[in-house]
Amino acid sequence: DEVEAQWRICDPVVRRWEDEAEPLVQYP
């Protein structure tokens, strides 16, 4: 249940980022 609780926090972010296609900010 701990593993799944961690994923419930991060999974929406992962899915949102996968749907976004714009180039990422670059840092040196």
PDB file of all heavy atoms in Angstrom:
ATOM      1  N   ASP A   1       0.824  -1.211   0.000  1.00  0.00           N
ATOM      2  CA  ASP A   1       0.000   0.000   0.000  1.00  0.00           C
ATOM      3  C   ASP A   1       0.858   1.261   0.000  1.00  0.00           C
ATOM      4  O   ASP A   1       0.438   2.317  -0.501  1.00  0.00           O
ATOM      5  CB  ASP A   1      -0.961   0.006   1.187  1.00  0.00           C
ATOM      6  CG  ASP A   1      -0.270  -0.145   2.538  1.00  0.00           C
ATOM      7  OD1 ASP A   1       0.895  -0.575   2.569  1.00  0.00           O
ATOM      8  OD2 ASP A   1      -0.897   0.167   3.567  1.00  0.00           O
ATOM      9  N   GLU A   2       2.077   1.162   0.529  1.00  0.00           N
ATOM     10  CA  GLU A   2       3.001   2.293   0.535  1.00  0.00           C
ATOM     11  C   GLU A   2       3.455   2.623  -0.885  1.00  0.00           C
ATOM     12  O   GLU A   2       3.492   3.790  -1.301  1.00  0.00           O
ATOM     13  CB  GLU A   2       4.201   1.935   1.410  1.00  0.00           C
ATOM     14  CG  GLU A   2       5.056   3.087   1.865  1.00  0.00           C
ATOM     15  CD  GLU A   2       6.114   2.618   2.848  1.00  0.00           C
ATOM     16  OE1 GLU A   2       6.038   1.475   3.349  1.00  0.00           O
ATOM     17  OE2 GLU A   2       7.019   3.418   3.117  1.00  0.00           O
ATOM     18  N   VAL A   3       3.797   1.586  -1.653  1.00  0.00           N
ATOM     19  CA  VAL A   3       4.213   1.776  -3.047  1.00  0.00           C
ATOM     20  C   VAL A   3       3.092   2.426  -3.851  1.00  0.00           C
ATOM     21  O   VAL A   3       3.311   3.382  -4.610  1.00  0.00           O
ATOM     22  CB  VAL A   3       4.614   0.424  -3.682  1.00  0.00           C
ATOM     23  CG1 VAL A   3       4.824   0.577  -5.185  1.00  0.00           C
ATOM     24  CG2 VAL A   3       5.878  -0.120  -3.037  1.00  0.00           C
ATOM     25  N   GLU A   4       1.891   1.925  -3.689  1.00  0.00           N
ATOM     26  CA  GLU A   4       0.770   2.461  -4.459  1.00  0.00           C
ATOM     27  C   GLU A   4       0.437   3.891  -4.029  1.00  0.00           C
ATOM     28  O   GLU A   4       0.071   4.723  -4.875  1.00  0.00           O
ATOM     29  CB  GLU A   4      -0.435   1.539  -4.307  1.00  0.00           C
ATOM     30  CG  GLU A   4      -0.216   0.181  -4.971  1.00  0.00           C
ATOM     31  CD  GLU A   4      -1.362  -0.790  -4.763  1.00  0.00           C
ATOM     32  OE1 GLU A   4      -2.464  -0.333  -4.360  1.00  0.00           O
ATOM     33  OE2 GLU A   4      -1.174  -1.998  -4.984  1.00  0.00           O
ATOM     34  N   ALA A   5       0.577   4.201  -2.751  1.00  0.00           N
ATOM     35  CA  ALA A   5       0.327   5.572  -2.287  1.00  0.00           C
ATOM     36  C   ALA A   5       1.344   6.546  -2.880  1.00  0.00           C
ATOM     37  O   ALA A   5       0.998   7.684  -3.223  1.00  0.00           O
ATOM     38  CB  ALA A   5       0.369   5.619  -0.766  1.00  0.00           C
ATOM     39  N   GLN A   6       2.597   6.117  -3.003  1.00  0.00           N
ATOM     40  CA  GLN A   6       3.611   6.967  -3.635  1.00  0.00           C
ATOM     41  C   GLN A   6       3.257   7.224  -5.093  1.00  0.00           C
ATOM     42  O   GLN A   6       3.392   8.349  -5.590  1.00  0.00           O
ATOM     43  CB  GLN A   6       4.989   6.299  -3.527  1.00  0.00           C
ATOM     44  CG  GLN A   6       5.544   6.264  -2.123  1.00  0.00           C
ATOM     45  CD  GLN A   6       6.833   5.474  -1.999  1.00  0.00           C
ATOM     46  OE1 GLN A   6       7.420   5.421  -0.941  1.00  0.00           O
ATOM     47  NE2 GLN A   6       7.282   4.846  -3.067  1.00  0.00           N
ATOM     48  N   TRP A   7       2.813   6.189  -5.783  1.00  0.00           N
ATOM     49  CA  TRP A   7       2.463   6.354  -7.188  1.00  0.00           C
ATOM     50  C   TRP A   7       1.225   7.238  -7.372  1.00  0.00           C
ATOM     51  O   TRP A   7       1.114   7.956  -8.365  1.00  0.00           O
ATOM     52  CB  TRP A   7       2.247   4.993  -7.854  1.00  0.00           C
ATOM     53  CG  TRP A   7       3.516   4.437  -8.430  1.00  0.00           C
ATOM     54  CD1 TRP A   7       4.178   3.313  -8.059  1.00  0.00           C
ATOM     55  CD2 TRP A   7       4.285   5.020  -9.477  1.00  0.00           C
ATOM     56  NE1 TRP A   7       5.318   3.165  -8.816  1.00  0.00           N
ATOM     57  CE2 TRP A   7       5.408   4.202  -9.695  1.00  0.00           C
ATOM     58  CE3 TRP A   7       4.139   6.171 -10.264  1.00  0.00           C
ATOM     59  CZ2 TRP A   7       6.377   4.478 -10.662  1.00  0.00           C
ATOM     60  CZ3 TRP A   7       5.101   6.455 -11.226  1.00  0.00           C
ATOM     61  CH2 TRP A   7       6.204   5.614 -11.412  1.00  0.00           C
ATOM     62  N   ARG A   8       0.300   7.211  -6.420  1.00  0.00           N
ATOM     63  CA  ARG A   8      -0.900   8.047  -6.560  1.00  0.00           C
ATOM     64  C   ARG A   8      -0.555   9.532  -6.501  1.00  0.00           C
ATOM     65  O   ARG A   8      -1.284  10.362  -7.042  1.00  0.00           O
ATOM     66  CB  ARG A   8      -1.922   7.685  -5.478  1.00  0.00           C
ATOM     67  CG  ARG A   8      -2.624   6.370  -5.747  1.00  0.00           C
ATOM     68  CD  ARG A   8      -3.820   6.121  -4.826  1.00  0.00           C
ATOM     69  NE  ARG A   8      -4.556   4.945  -5.270  1.00  0.00           N
ATOM     70  CZ  ARG A   8      -4.305   3.706  -4.854  1.00  0.00           C
ATOM     71  NH1 ARG A   8      -3.358   3.515  -3.943  1.00  0.00           N
ATOM     72  NH2 ARG A   8      -5.001   2.686  -5.315  1.00  0.00           N
ATOM     73  N   ILE A   9       0.563   9.867  -5.881  1.00  0.00           N
ATOM     74  CA  ILE A   9       1.022  11.259  -5.858  1.00  0.00           C
ATOM     75  C   ILE A   9       1.684  11.635  -7.176  1.00  0.00           C
ATOM     76  O   ILE A   9       1.436  12.711  -7.731  1.00  0.00           O
ATOM     77  CB  ILE A   9       2.001  11.473  -4.692  1.00  0.00           C
ATOM     78  CG1 ILE A   9       1.299  11.249  -3.353  1.00  0.00           C
ATOM     79  CG2 ILE A   9       2.625  12.873  -4.738  1.00  0.00           C
ATOM     80  CD1 ILE A   9       2.247  11.167  -2.167  1.00  0.00           C
ATOM     81  N   CYS A  10       2.503  10.732  -7.713  1.00  0.00           N
ATOM     82  CA  CYS A  10       3.339  11.062  -8.874  1.00  0.00           C
ATOM     83  C   CYS A  10       2.716  10.693 -10.216  1.00  0.00           C
ATOM     84  O   CYS A  10       3.074  11.284 -11.244  1.00  0.00           O
ATOM     85  CB  CYS A  10       4.699  10.368  -8.746  1.00  0.00           C
ATOM     86  SG  CYS A  10       5.710  10.989  -7.390  1.00  0.00           S
ATOM     87  N   ASP A  11       1.804   9.718 -10.226  1.00  0.00           N
ATOM     88  CA  ASP A  11       1.271   9.238 -11.507  1.00  0.00           C
ATOM     89  C   ASP A  11       0.576  10.330 -12.323  1.00  0.00           C
ATOM     90  O   ASP A  11       0.786  10.412 -13.546  1.00  0.00           O
ATOM     91  CB  ASP A  11       0.319   8.064 -11.261  1.00  0.00           C
ATOM     92  CG  ASP A  11       0.000   7.307 -12.541  1.00  0.00           C
ATOM     93  OD1 ASP A  11       0.930   6.728 -13.128  1.00  0.00           O
ATOM     94  OD2 ASP A  11      -1.180   7.301 -12.947  1.00  0.00           O
ATOM     95  N   PRO A  12      -0.254  11.198 -11.716  1.00  0.00           N
ATOM     96  CA  PRO A  12      -0.859  12.254 -12.528  1.00  0.00           C
ATOM     97  C   PRO A  12       0.167  13.185 -13.175  1.00  0.00           C
ATOM     98  O   PRO A  12      -0.040  13.667 -14.292  1.00  0.00           O
ATOM     99  CB  PRO A  12      -1.736  13.016 -11.521  1.00  0.00           C
ATOM    100  CG  PRO A  12      -2.012  12.036 -10.424  1.00  0.00           C
ATOM    101  CD  PRO A  12      -0.765  11.212 -10.322  1.00  0.00           C
ATOM    102  N   VAL A  13       1.277  13.439 -12.494  1.00  0.00           N
ATOM    103  CA  VAL A  13       2.328  14.281 -13.056  1.00  0.00           C
ATOM    104  C   VAL A  13       2.987  13.581 -14.232  1.00  0.00           C
ATOM    105  O   VAL A  13       3.224  14.176 -15.295  1.00  0.00           O
ATOM    106  CB  VAL A  13       3.377  14.632 -11.982  1.00  0.00           C
ATOM    107  CG1 VAL A  13       4.477  15.516 -12.569  1.00  0.00           C
ATOM    108  CG2 VAL A  13       2.725  15.314 -10.795  1.00  0.00           C
ATOM    109  N   VAL A  14       3.295  12.294 -14.064  1.00  0.00           N
ATOM    110  CA  VAL A  14       3.922  11.516 -15.145  1.00  0.00           C
ATOM    111  C   VAL A  14       3.042  11.529 -16.378  1.00  0.00           C
ATOM    112  O   VAL A  14       3.508  11.770 -17.502  1.00  0.00           O
ATOM    113  CB  VAL A  14       4.176  10.065 -14.683  1.00  0.00           C
ATOM    114  CG1 VAL A  14       4.567   9.179 -15.858  1.00  0.00           C
ATOM    115  CG2 VAL A  14       5.258  10.022 -13.616  1.00  0.00           C
ATOM    116  N   ARG A  15       1.760  11.282 -16.206  1.00  0.00           N
ATOM    117  CA  ARG A  15       0.838  11.234 -17.348  1.00  0.00           C
ATOM    118  C   ARG A  15       0.706  12.599 -18.019  1.00  0.00           C
ATOM    119  O   ARG A  15       0.632  12.701 -19.248  1.00  0.00           O
ATOM    120  CB  ARG A  15      -0.532  10.716 -16.897  1.00  0.00           C
ATOM    121  CG  ARG A  15      -0.484   9.264 -16.422  1.00  0.00           C
ATOM    122  CD  ARG A  15      -1.869   8.747 -16.061  1.00  0.00           C
ATOM    123  NE  ARG A  15      -1.831   7.382 -15.580  1.00  0.00           N
ATOM    124  CZ  ARG A  15      -1.758   6.299 -16.355  1.00  0.00           C
ATOM    125  NH1 ARG A  15      -1.723   6.449 -17.670  1.00  0.00           N
ATOM    126  NH2 ARG A  15      -1.735   5.090 -15.828  1.00  0.00           N
ATOM    127  N   ARG A  16       0.674  13.652 -17.218  1.00  0.00           N
ATOM    128  CA  ARG A  16       0.563  14.994 -17.779  1.00  0.00           C
ATOM    129  C   ARG A  16       1.795  15.331 -18.602  1.00  0.00           C
ATOM    130  O   ARG A  16       1.696  15.880 -19.701  1.00  0.00           O
ATOM    131  CB  ARG A  16       0.359  15.998 -16.641  1.00  0.00           C
ATOM    132  CG  ARG A  16      -0.030  17.395 -17.119  1.00  0.00           C
ATOM    133  CD  ARG A  16      -0.684  18.169 -15.981  1.00  0.00           C
ATOM    134  NE  ARG A  16       0.212  18.374 -14.858  1.00  0.00           N
ATOM    135  CZ  ARG A  16      -0.077  18.039 -13.602  1.00  0.00           C
ATOM    136  NH1 ARG A  16      -1.224  17.449 -13.315  1.00  0.00           N
ATOM    137  NH2 ARG A  16       0.785  18.282 -12.624  1.00  0.00           N
ATOM    138  N   TRP A  17       2.971  14.998 -18.076  1.00  0.00           N
ATOM    139  CA  TRP A  17       4.205  15.293 -18.802  1.00  0.00           C
ATOM    140  C   TRP A  17       4.309  14.481 -20.092  1.00  0.00           C
ATOM    141  O   TRP A  17       4.845  14.954 -21.088  1.00  0.00           O
ATOM    142  CB  TRP A  17       5.407  15.021 -17.901  1.00  0.00           C
ATOM    143  CG  TRP A  17       5.629  16.098 -16.876  1.00  0.00           C
ATOM    144  CD1 TRP A  17       4.948  17.281 -16.759  1.00  0.00           C
ATOM    145  CD2 TRP A  17       6.596  16.090 -15.814  1.00  0.00           C
ATOM    146  NE1 TRP A  17       5.429  18.005 -15.699  1.00  0.00           N
ATOM    147  CE2 TRP A  17       6.445  17.309 -15.102  1.00  0.00           C
ATOM    148  CE3 TRP A  17       7.557  15.185 -15.404  1.00  0.00           C
ATOM    149  CZ2 TRP A  17       7.242  17.624 -14.004  1.00  0.00           C
ATOM    150  CZ3 TRP A  17       8.352  15.495 -14.305  1.00  0.00           C
ATOM    151  CH2 TRP A  17       8.199  16.710 -13.615  1.00  0.00           C
ATOM    152  N   GLU A  18       3.805  13.253 -20.065  1.00  0.00           N
ATOM    153  CA  GLU A  18       3.853  12.434 -21.281  1.00  0.00           C
ATOM    154  C   GLU A  18       2.989  13.016 -22.393  1.00  0.00           C
ATOM    155  O   GLU A  18       3.265  12.813 -23.580  1.00  0.00           O
ATOM    156  CB  GLU A  18       3.395  11.009 -20.969  1.00  0.00           C
ATOM    157  CG  GLU A  18       4.419  10.204 -20.178  1.00  0.00           C
ATOM    158  CD  GLU A  18       3.919   8.817 -19.816  1.00  0.00           C
ATOM    159  OE1 GLU A  18       2.692   8.575 -19.918  1.00  0.00           O
ATOM    160  OE2 GLU A  18       4.752   7.979 -19.439  1.00  0.00           O
ATOM    161  N   ASP A  19       1.947  13.754 -22.029  1.00  0.00           N
ATOM    162  CA  ASP A  19       1.047  14.353 -23.026  1.00  0.00           C
ATOM    163  C   ASP A  19       1.549  15.696 -23.554  1.00  0.00           C
ATOM    164  O   ASP A  19       1.004  16.219 -24.526  1.00  0.00           O
ATOM    165  CB  ASP A  19      -0.345  14.538 -22.421  1.00  0.00           C
ATOM    166  CG  ASP A  19      -1.025  13.218 -22.129  1.00  0.00           C
ATOM    167  OD1 ASP A  19      -0.629  12.211 -22.748  1.00  0.00           O
ATOM    168  OD2 ASP A  19      -1.924  13.181 -21.260  1.00  0.00           O
ATOM    169  N   GLU A  20       2.571  16.267 -22.878  1.00  0.00           N
ATOM    170  CA  GLU A  20       3.083  17.575 -23.297  1.00  0.00           C
ATOM    171  C   GLU A  20       4.284  17.389 -24.215  1.00  0.00           C
ATOM    172  O   GLU A  20       5.217  16.640 -23.904  1.00  0.00           O
ATOM    173  CB  GLU A  20       3.484  18.393 -22.063  1.00  0.00           C
ATOM    174  CG  GLU A  20       2.293  18.739 -21.168  1.00  0.00           C
ATOM    175  CD  GLU A  20       2.715  19.417 -19.873  1.00  0.00           C
ATOM    176  OE1 GLU A  20       3.945  19.473 -19.607  1.00  0.00           O
ATOM    177  OE2 GLU A  20       1.839  19.879 -19.135  1.00  0.00           O
ATOM    178  N   ALA A  21       4.280  18.077 -25.340  1.00  0.00           N
ATOM    179  CA  ALA A  21       5.308  17.847 -26.356  1.00  0.00           C
ATOM    180  C   ALA A  21       6.271  19.015 -26.542  1.00  0.00           C
ATOM    181  O   ALA A  21       7.195  18.924 -27.336  1.00  0.00           O
ATOM    182  CB  ALA A  21       4.627  17.544 -27.702  1.00  0.00           C
ATOM    183  N   GLU A  22       6.080  20.118 -25.804  1.00  0.00           N
ATOM    184  CA  GLU A  22       6.951  21.264 -26.017  1.00  0.00           C
ATOM    185  C   GLU A  22       8.362  20.977 -25.498  1.00  0.00           C
ATOM    186  O   GLU A  22       8.538  20.191 -24.551  1.00  0.00           O
ATOM    187  CB  GLU A  22       6.395  22.526 -25.357  1.00  0.00           C
ATOM    188  CG  GLU A  22       6.345  22.493 -23.848  1.00  0.00           C
ATOM    189  CD  GLU A  22       5.035  21.944 -23.328  1.00  0.00           C
ATOM    190  OE1 GLU A  22       4.292  21.342 -24.141  1.00  0.00           O
ATOM    191  OE2 GLU A  22       4.759  22.092 -22.124  1.00  0.00           O
ATOM    192  N   PRO A  23       9.394  21.584 -26.105  1.00  0.00           N
ATOM    193  CA  PRO A  23      10.782  21.374 -25.641  1.00  0.00           C
ATOM    194  C   PRO A  23      10.939  21.798 -24.185  1.00  0.00           C
ATOM    195  O   PRO A  23      10.279  22.722 -23.710  1.00  0.00           O
ATOM    196  CB  PRO A  23      11.600  22.274 -26.576  1.00  0.00           C
ATOM    197  CG  PRO A  23      10.739  22.476 -27.774  1.00  0.00           C
ATOM    198  CD  PRO A  23       9.321  22.456 -27.277  1.00  0.00           C
ATOM    199  N   LEU A  24      11.824  21.107 -23.488  1.00  0.00           N
ATOM    200  CA  LEU A  24      12.034  21.403 -22.076  1.00  0.00           C
ATOM    201  C   LEU A  24      13.013  22.551 -21.891  1.00  0.00           C
ATOM    202  O   LEU A  24      13.872  22.806 -22.724  1.00  0.00           O
ATOM    203  CB  LEU A  24      12.584  20.168 -21.347  1.00  0.00           C
ATOM    204  CG  LEU A  24      11.723  18.904 -21.390  1.00  0.00           C
ATOM    205  CD1 LEU A  24      12.314  17.849 -20.467  1.00  0.00           C
ATOM    206  CD2 LEU A  24      10.290  19.195 -20.997  1.00  0.00           C
ATOM    207  N   VAL A  25      12.854  23.253 -20.768  1.00  0.00           N
ATOM    208  CA  VAL A  25      13.827  24.268 -20.366  1.00  0.00           C
ATOM    209  C   VAL A  25      15.189  23.605 -20.218  1.00  0.00           C
ATOM    210  O   VAL A  25      15.304  22.495 -19.697  1.00  0.00           O
ATOM    211  CB  VAL A  25      13.399  24.918 -19.033  1.00  0.00           C
ATOM    212  CG1 VAL A  25      14.511  25.803 -18.478  1.00  0.00           C
ATOM    213  CG2 VAL A  25      12.105  25.696 -19.215  1.00  0.00           C
ATOM    214  N   GLN A  26      16.247  24.271 -20.702  1.00  0.00           N
ATOM    215  CA  GLN A  26      17.608  23.758 -20.593  1.00  0.00           C
ATOM    216  C   GLN A  26      18.364  24.524 -19.498  1.00  0.00           C
ATOM    217  O   GLN A  26      18.190  25.730 -19.361  1.00  0.00           O
ATOM    218  CB  GLN A  26      18.349  23.921 -21.918  1.00  0.00           C
ATOM    219  CG  GLN A  26      17.703  23.197 -23.092  1.00  0.00           C
ATOM    220  CD  GLN A  26      18.030  21.715 -23.102  1.00  0.00           C
ATOM    221  OE1 GLN A  26      19.184  21.317 -23.087  1.00  0.00           O
ATOM    222  NE2 GLN A  26      16.979  20.893 -23.112  1.00  0.00           N
ATOM    223  N   TYR A  27      19.176  23.795 -18.735  1.00  0.00           N
ATOM    224  CA  TYR A  27      20.068  24.443 -17.766  1.00  0.00           C
ATOM    225  C   TYR A  27      21.486  23.955 -18.029  1.00  0.00           C
ATOM    226  O   TYR A  27      21.690  22.810 -18.447  1.00  0.00           O
ATOM    227  CB  TYR A  27      19.644  24.143 -16.325  1.00  0.00           C
ATOM    228  CG  TYR A  27      19.678  22.681 -15.927  1.00  0.00           C
ATOM    229  CD1 TYR A  27      20.795  22.120 -15.285  1.00  0.00           C
ATOM    230  CD2 TYR A  27      18.586  21.843 -16.167  1.00  0.00           C
ATOM    231  CE1 TYR A  27      20.821  20.791 -14.914  1.00  0.00           C
ATOM    232  CE2 TYR A  27      18.606  20.513 -15.803  1.00  0.00           C
ATOM    233  CZ  TYR A  27      19.724  19.988 -15.177  1.00  0.00           C
ATOM    234  OH  TYR A  27      19.744  18.668 -14.814  1.00  0.00           O
ATOM    235  N   PRO A  28      22.495  24.803 -17.839  1.00  0.00           N
ATOM    236  CA  PRO A  28      23.872  24.398 -18.132  1.00  0.00           C
ATOM    237  C   PRO A  28      24.347  23.300 -17.188  1.00  0.00           C
ATOM    238  O   PRO A  28      24.136  23.371 -15.972  1.00  0.00           O
ATOM    239  CB  PRO A  28      24.686  25.678 -17.934  1.00  0.00           C
ATOM    240  CG  PRO A  28      23.680  26.789 -17.906  1.00  0.00           C
ATOM    241  CD  PRO A  28      22.417  26.204 -17.392  1.00  0.00           C
TER     242      PRO A  28
END
